[in-house]
C-alpha atoms as a PDB file:
ATOM      1  CA  UNK A   1     -25.503 -52.735  -8.583  1.00  0.00           C
ATOM      2  CA  UNK A   2     -22.958 -53.699  -6.571  1.00  0.00           C
ATOM      3  CA  UNK A   3     -22.423 -52.829  -2.609  1.00  0.00           C
ATOM      4  CA  UNK A   4     -19.906 -50.444  -3.060  1.00  0.00           C
ATOM      5  CA  UNK A   5     -19.319 -47.199  -3.472  1.00  0.00           C
ATOM      6  CA  UNK A   6     -16.765 -45.529  -5.419  1.00  0.00           C
ATOM      7  CA  UNK A   7     -14.300 -43.736  -3.929  1.00  0.00           C
ATOM      8  CA  UNK A   8     -13.365 -40.348  -5.394  1.00  0.00           C
ATOM      9  CA  UNK A   9      -9.755 -40.157  -6.280  1.00  0.00           C
ATOM     10  CA  UNK A  10      -7.599 -39.206  -2.917  1.00  0.00           C
ATOM     11  CA  UNK A  11      -6.900 -34.925  -4.059  1.00  0.00           C
ATOM     12  CA  UNK A  12     -10.287 -35.039  -5.012  1.00  0.00           C
ATOM     13  CA  UNK A  13     -11.112 -36.070  -1.489  1.00  0.00           C
ATOM     14  CA  UNK A  14      -9.051 -33.612   0.176  1.00  0.00           C
ATOM     15  CA  UNK A  15      -9.653 -30.736  -1.379  1.00  0.00           C
ATOM     16  CA  UNK A  16     -13.471 -31.334  -1.007  1.00  0.00           C
ATOM     17  CA  UNK A  17     -13.200 -31.414   2.751  1.00  0.00           C
ATOM     18  CA  UNK A  18     -10.921 -28.313   2.611  1.00  0.00           C
ATOM     19  CA  UNK A  19     -13.746 -26.422   0.724  1.00  0.00           C
ATOM     20  CA  UNK A  20     -15.918 -28.680   3.447  1.00  0.00           C
ATOM     21  CA  UNK A  21     -14.133 -26.279   6.180  1.00  0.00           C
ATOM     22  CA  UNK A  22     -13.933 -23.022   4.594  1.00  0.00           C
ATOM     23  CA  UNK A  23     -10.102 -22.794   4.448  1.00  0.00           C
ATOM     24  CA  UNK A  24      -7.929 -20.700   2.105  1.00  0.00           C
ATOM     25  CA  UNK A  25      -7.288 -21.638  -1.840  1.00  0.00           C
ATOM     26  CA  UNK A  26      -3.716 -20.597  -1.080  1.00  0.00           C
ATOM     27  CA  UNK A  27      -4.007 -23.313   1.900  1.00  0.00           C
ATOM     28  CA  UNK A  28      -6.289 -25.548  -0.338  1.00  0.00           C
ATOM     29  CA  UNK A  29      -3.277 -26.165  -3.586  1.00  0.00           C
ATOM     30  CA  UNK A  30      -0.769 -25.991  -0.317  1.00  0.00           C
ATOM     31  CA  UNK A  31      -2.032 -28.835   1.373  1.00  0.00           C
ATOM     32  CA  UNK A  32      -3.027 -30.510  -2.463  1.00  0.00           C
ATOM     33  CA  UNK A  33       0.752 -30.010  -3.612  1.00  0.00           C
ATOM     34  CA  UNK A  34       2.587 -31.290  -0.222  1.00  0.00           C
ATOM     35  CA  UNK A  35      -0.299 -34.272  -0.113  1.00  0.00           C
ATOM     36  CA  UNK A  36       1.030 -35.205  -3.653  1.00  0.00           C
ATOM     37  CA  UNK A  37       4.285 -35.172  -3.116  1.00  0.00           C
ATOM     38  CA  UNK A  38       4.465 -37.577  -0.001  1.00  0.00           C
ATOM     39  CA  UNK A  39       2.620 -39.238  -2.650  1.00  0.00           C
ATOM     40  CA  UNK A  40       5.122 -40.101  -4.918  1.00  0.00           C
ATOM     41  CA  UNK A  41       8.058 -39.866  -2.518  1.00  0.00           C
ATOM     42  CA  UNK A  42       6.870 -42.695  -1.340  1.00  0.00           C
ATOM     43  CA  UNK A  43       5.808 -44.570  -4.410  1.00  0.00           C
ATOM     44  CA  UNK A  44       2.060 -45.503  -3.411  1.00  0.00           C
ATOM     45  CA  UNK A  45      -0.308 -46.879  -6.144  1.00  0.00           C
ATOM     46  CA  UNK A  46      -3.162 -47.164  -3.960  1.00  0.00           C
ATOM     47  CA  UNK A  47      -5.782 -45.536  -1.454  1.00  0.00           C
ATOM     48  CA  UNK A  48      -4.249 -48.438   0.904  1.00  0.00           C
ATOM     49  CA  UNK A  49      -1.061 -47.847   0.719  1.00  0.00           C
ATOM     50  CA  UNK A  50      -1.767 -44.701   3.645  1.00  0.00           C
ATOM     51  CA  UNK A  51      -2.528 -46.600   5.914  1.00  0.00           C
ATOM     52  CA  UNK A  52       0.835 -48.964   6.188  1.00  0.00           C
ATOM     53  CA  UNK A  53       2.661 -47.818   8.530  1.00  0.00           C
ATOM     54  CA  UNK A  54       2.111 -44.208   8.397  1.00  0.00           C
ATOM     55  CA  UNK A  55       3.482 -42.285  11.001  1.00  0.00           C
ATOM     56  CA  UNK A  56       6.926 -44.099   9.598  1.00  0.00           C
ATOM     57  CA  UNK A  57       5.675 -42.430   6.302  1.00  0.00           C
ATOM     58  CA  UNK A  58       5.861 -38.935   7.227  1.00  0.00           C
ATOM     59  CA  UNK A  59       8.406 -39.684   9.016  1.00  0.00           C
ATOM     60  CA  UNK A  60      10.579 -40.567   6.634  1.00  0.00           C
ATOM     61  CA  UNK A  61       8.667 -37.847   4.788  1.00  0.00           C
ATOM     62  CA  UNK A  62      10.256 -35.063   7.321  1.00  0.00           C
ATOM     63  CA  UNK A  63      13.489 -36.736   7.055  1.00  0.00           C
ATOM     64  CA  UNK A  64      13.642 -36.515   3.223  1.00  0.00           C
ATOM     65  CA  UNK A  65      12.972 -32.873   3.371  1.00  0.00           C
ATOM     66  CA  UNK A  66      15.196 -31.304   6.211  1.00  0.00           C
ATOM     67  CA  UNK A  67      18.786 -33.076   5.413  1.00  0.00           C
ATOM     68  CA  UNK A  68      17.962 -33.665   1.396  1.00  0.00           C
ATOM     69  CA  UNK A  69      15.846 -30.753   0.410  1.00  0.00           C
ATOM     70  CA  UNK A  70      16.946 -28.224   3.106  1.00  0.00           C
ATOM     71  CA  UNK A  71      13.698 -26.690   4.456  1.00  0.00           C
ATOM     72  CA  UNK A  72      12.791 -24.518   6.583  1.00  0.00           C
ATOM     73  CA  UNK A  73      11.499 -24.734   9.514  1.00  0.00           C
ATOM     74  CA  UNK A  74       8.184 -23.058   8.613  1.00  0.00           C
ATOM     75  CA  UNK A  75       7.400 -25.267   4.773  1.00  0.00           C
ATOM     76  CA  UNK A  76       8.043 -28.205   7.115  1.00  0.00           C
ATOM     77  CA  UNK A  77       5.776 -27.374   9.031  1.00  0.00           C
ATOM     78  CA  UNK A  78       3.652 -26.443   6.245  1.00  0.00           C
ATOM     79  CA  UNK A  79       4.392 -30.373   4.601  1.00  0.00           C
ATOM     80  CA  UNK A  80       3.589 -31.405   8.957  1.00  0.00           C
ATOM     81  CA  UNK A  81       0.585 -29.575   8.254  1.00  0.00           C
ATOM     82  CA  UNK A  82      -0.567 -31.172   5.633  1.00  0.00           C
ATOM     83  CA  UNK A  83       0.016 -35.167   6.090  1.00  0.00           C
ATOM     84  CA  UNK A  84      -1.830 -34.258   9.850  1.00  0.00           C
ATOM     85  CA  UNK A  85      -5.246 -33.013   7.972  1.00  0.00           C
ATOM     86  CA  UNK A  86      -5.196 -35.876   5.167  1.00  0.00           C
ATOM     87  CA  UNK A  87      -5.371 -38.821   7.908  1.00  0.00           C
ATOM     88  CA  UNK A  88      -7.441 -36.749  10.442  1.00  0.00           C
ATOM     89  CA  UNK A  89      -9.699 -34.983   8.627  1.00  0.00           C
ATOM     90  CA  UNK A  90     -10.090 -37.088   4.970  1.00  0.00           C
ATOM     91  CA  UNK A  91      -8.629 -40.557   6.438  1.00  0.00           C
ATOM     92  CA  UNK A  92      -9.760 -40.333   9.328  1.00  0.00           C
ATOM     93  CA  UNK A  93      -6.881 -42.474  10.354  1.00  0.00           C
ATOM     94  CA  UNK A  94      -5.908 -41.302  14.143  1.00  0.00           C
ATOM     95  CA  UNK A  95      -1.967 -40.861  14.287  1.00  0.00           C
ATOM     96  CA  UNK A  96      -0.887 -43.456  17.483  1.00  0.00           C
ATOM     97  CA  UNK A  97       2.477 -43.387  17.066  1.00  0.00           C
ATOM     98  CA  UNK A  98       5.387 -40.824  18.108  1.00  0.00           C
ATOM     99  CA  UNK A  99       6.838 -38.610  14.765  1.00  0.00           C
ATOM    100  CA  UNK A 100      10.237 -38.044  15.054  1.00  0.00           C
ATOM    101  CA  UNK A 101      11.628 -36.475  11.845  1.00  0.00           C
ATOM    102  CA  UNK A 102      14.420 -35.133  11.955  1.00  0.00           C
ATOM    103  CA  UNK A 103      13.383 -31.421  11.769  1.00  0.00           C
ATOM    104  CA  UNK A 104      15.385 -28.837   9.392  1.00  0.00           C
ATOM    105  CA  UNK A 105      17.922 -26.433  10.863  1.00  0.00           C
ATOM    106  CA  UNK A 106      16.900 -22.711  11.301  1.00  0.00           C
ATOM    107  CA  UNK A 107      19.108 -20.343   9.039  1.00  0.00           C
ATOM    108  CA  UNK A 108      20.223 -17.301  10.531  1.00  0.00           C
ATOM    109  CA  UNK A 109      20.046 -15.219   8.175  1.00  0.00           C
ATOM    110  CA  UNK A 110      23.574 -12.160   8.410  1.00  0.00           C
ATOM    111  CA  UNK A 111      21.560  -8.525   8.035  1.00  0.00           C
ATOM    112  CA  UNK A 112      23.306  -6.468   4.825  1.00  0.00           C
ATOM    113  CA  UNK A 113      24.014  -3.367   6.755  1.00  0.00           C
ATOM    114  CA  UNK A 114      26.334  -0.431   5.112  1.00  0.00           C
ATOM    115  CA  UNK A 115      29.504   0.934   6.622  1.00  0.00           C
ATOM    116  CA  UNK A 116      29.716   4.752   7.910  1.00  0.00           C
ATOM    117  CA  UNK A 117      31.745   5.751   5.361  1.00  0.00           C
ATOM    118  CA  UNK A 118      29.768   3.297   1.804  1.00  0.00           C
ATOM    119  CA  UNK A 119      27.164   5.958   3.412  1.00  0.00           C
ATOM    120  CA  UNK A 120      28.390   9.450   3.361  1.00  0.00           C
ATOM    121  CA  UNK A 121      29.461   8.231   0.007  1.00  0.00           C
ATOM    122  CA  UNK A 122      25.331   7.644  -1.123  1.00  0.00           C
ATOM    123  CA  UNK A 123      24.621  10.386   0.323  1.00  0.00           C
ATOM    124  CA  UNK A 124      27.286  12.405  -0.780  1.00  0.00           C
ATOM    125  CA  UNK A 125      26.162  11.698  -5.062  1.00  0.00           C
ATOM    126  CA  UNK A 126      22.592  12.555  -3.574  1.00  0.00           C
ATOM    127  CA  UNK A 127      21.161  16.393  -2.867  1.00  0.00           C
ATOM    128  CA  UNK A 128      18.049  18.115  -2.189  1.00  0.00           C
ATOM    129  CA  UNK A 129      15.202  16.336  -1.143  1.00  0.00           C
ATOM    130  CA  UNK A 130      15.837  12.514  -1.783  1.00  0.00           C
ATOM    131  CA  UNK A 131      19.011  14.021  -0.243  1.00  0.00           C
ATOM    132  CA  UNK A 132      16.904  14.006   3.042  1.00  0.00           C
ATOM    133  CA  UNK A 133      14.880  10.616   2.623  1.00  0.00           C
ATOM    134  CA  UNK A 134      17.678   9.190   2.537  1.00  0.00           C
ATOM    135  CA  UNK A 135      19.571  10.745   5.484  1.00  0.00           C
ATOM    136  CA  UNK A 136      16.174  10.720   6.986  1.00  0.00           C
ATOM    137  CA  UNK A 137      16.486   6.832   6.361  1.00  0.00           C
ATOM    138  CA  UNK A 138      19.628   5.985   8.021  1.00  0.00           C
ATOM    139  CA  UNK A 139      19.592   9.049  11.095  1.00  0.00           C
ATOM    140  CA  UNK A 140      16.115   8.502  12.065  1.00  0.00           C
ATOM    141  CA  UNK A 141      15.741   5.007  11.269  1.00  0.00           C
ATOM    142  CA  UNK A 142      12.299   5.556   8.508  1.00  0.00           C
ATOM    143  CA  UNK A 143      11.040   3.450   6.830  1.00  0.00           C
ATOM    144  CA  UNK A 144      10.440   4.430   2.879  1.00  0.00           C
ATOM    145  CA  UNK A 145       7.050   5.547   3.212  1.00  0.00           C
ATOM    146  CA  UNK A 146       6.951   6.885   6.214  1.00  0.00           C
ATOM    147  CA  UNK A 147       9.797   9.518   5.108  1.00  0.00           C
ATOM    148  CA  UNK A 148       8.474   9.680   2.533  1.00  0.00           C
ATOM    149  CA  UNK A 149       4.525  11.056   4.281  1.00  0.00           C
ATOM    150  CA  UNK A 150       6.430  13.207   6.627  1.00  0.00           C
ATOM    151  CA  UNK A 151       4.276  16.611   7.169  1.00  0.00           C
ATOM    152  CA  UNK A 152       6.412  19.944   7.797  1.00  0.00           C
ATOM    153  CA  UNK A 153       4.452  19.827  11.355  1.00  0.00           C
ATOM    154  CA  UNK A 154       5.817  16.354  12.388  1.00  0.00           C
ATOM    155  CA  UNK A 155       9.569  17.366  12.464  1.00  0.00           C
ATOM    156  CA  UNK A 156       9.765  19.022  16.097  1.00  0.00           C
ATOM    157  CA  UNK A 157      13.129  21.877  15.620  1.00  0.00           C
ATOM    158  CA  UNK A 158      12.495  21.909  20.022  1.00  0.00           C
ATOM    159  CA  UNK A 159      12.902  19.170  20.879  1.00  0.00           C
ATOM    160  CA  UNK A 160      14.917  17.767  17.819  1.00  0.00           C
ATOM    161  CA  UNK A 161      12.079  14.328  17.333  1.00  0.00           C
ATOM    162  CA  UNK A 162      10.414  13.551  14.760  1.00  0.00           C
ATOM    163  CA  UNK A 163       6.107  11.841  14.772  1.00  0.00           C
ATOM    164  CA  UNK A 164       5.993   9.150  11.978  1.00  0.00           C
ATOM    165  CA  UNK A 165       1.915   8.872  11.672  1.00  0.00           C
ATOM    166  CA  UNK A 166      -0.063   5.041  10.686  1.00  0.00           C
ATOM    167  CA  UNK A 167       3.556   3.524  11.171  1.00  0.00           C
ATOM    168  CA  UNK A 168       4.228   0.221  10.524  1.00  0.00           C
ATOM    169  CA  UNK A 169       1.029  -1.887  12.270  1.00  0.00           C
ATOM    170  CA  UNK A 170      -0.573   1.508  11.766  1.00  0.00           C
ATOM    171  CA  UNK A 171       0.526   3.156  14.972  1.00  0.00           C
ATOM    172  CA  UNK A 172       1.877   7.113  15.940  1.00  0.00           C
ATOM    173  CA  UNK A 173       5.267   6.622  17.510  1.00  0.00           C
ATOM    174  CA  UNK A 174       8.481   8.879  18.413  1.00  0.00           C
ATOM    175  CA  UNK A 175      11.194   8.887  16.740  1.00  0.00           C
ATOM    176  CA  UNK A 176      15.230  10.828  17.030  1.00  0.00           C
ATOM    177  CA  UNK A 177      15.867  14.080  14.494  1.00  0.00           C
ATOM    178  CA  UNK A 178      19.293  14.104  13.343  1.00  0.00           C
ATOM    179  CA  UNK A 179      20.676  17.060  14.516  1.00  0.00           C
ATOM    180  CA  UNK A 180      22.917  16.940  10.838  1.00  0.00           C
ATOM    181  CA  UNK A 181      19.725  17.219   8.926  1.00  0.00           C
ATOM    182  CA  UNK A 182      18.450  20.438  10.321  1.00  0.00           C
ATOM    183  CA  UNK A 183      19.545  23.006   8.365  1.00  0.00           C
ATOM    184  CA  UNK A 184      18.822  21.258   4.968  1.00  0.00           C
ATOM    185  CA  UNK A 185      15.470  20.133   6.669  1.00  0.00           C
ATOM    186  CA  UNK A 186      14.824  23.597   7.335  1.00  0.00           C
ATOM    187  CA  UNK A 187      16.358  24.869   3.804  1.00  0.00           C
ATOM    188  CA  UNK A 188      13.431  22.018   1.598  1.00  0.00           C
ATOM    189  CA  UNK A 189       9.851  21.857   1.074  1.00  0.00           C
ATOM    190  CA  UNK A 190       7.526  19.606   2.069  1.00  0.00           C
ATOM    191  CA  UNK A 191       8.403  16.058   1.475  1.00  0.00           C
ATOM    192  CA  UNK A 192       4.616  14.852   2.298  1.00  0.00           C
ATOM    193  CA  UNK A 193       3.557  17.790   0.047  1.00  0.00           C
ATOM    194  CA  UNK A 194       0.091  15.644  -1.934  1.00  0.00           C
ATOM    195  CA  UNK A 195      -0.195  13.167   1.038  1.00  0.00           C
ATOM    196  CA  UNK A 196      -2.121  14.481   2.936  1.00  0.00           C
END
């Protein structure tokens, strides 16, 4: 009988360690995919190749993701976490040298905002409860679910304010009541009827 125990394929071993440590199935799939891509990128044929110049291999791969693949910073971080898990938790190898891969550039997303004229045009084509809901979204800054769950008692005409119940994060909040929608709101049925 051979004294050497045959090791499992590296990705199977990664999966076993992830499951022993109770990582989520989503993290498991993600880490295994990143490690597989890392191995393919460096054209590694066996486990021993993982140990040579480890820090440089990680750095090269993270730089490739930033420069060639234009990944988001969060995506690059996920890949880095997967590789650190591979080396520290599975291969039990400390990464002692600095890893200075090129960091992925943060993309600035510019929101698309309608002009006043565009909003006026859209609202002029609507009527009744749908128009009231759209005006609440625009004039009071409500989210769609907040607007459709409103009840008559949430509207305070005297103080011109709206109480939003169980909004984002399950919290209540008070927001302004646009004067322009008062006539429409007072003449409309409760938009949240049936949503007690």
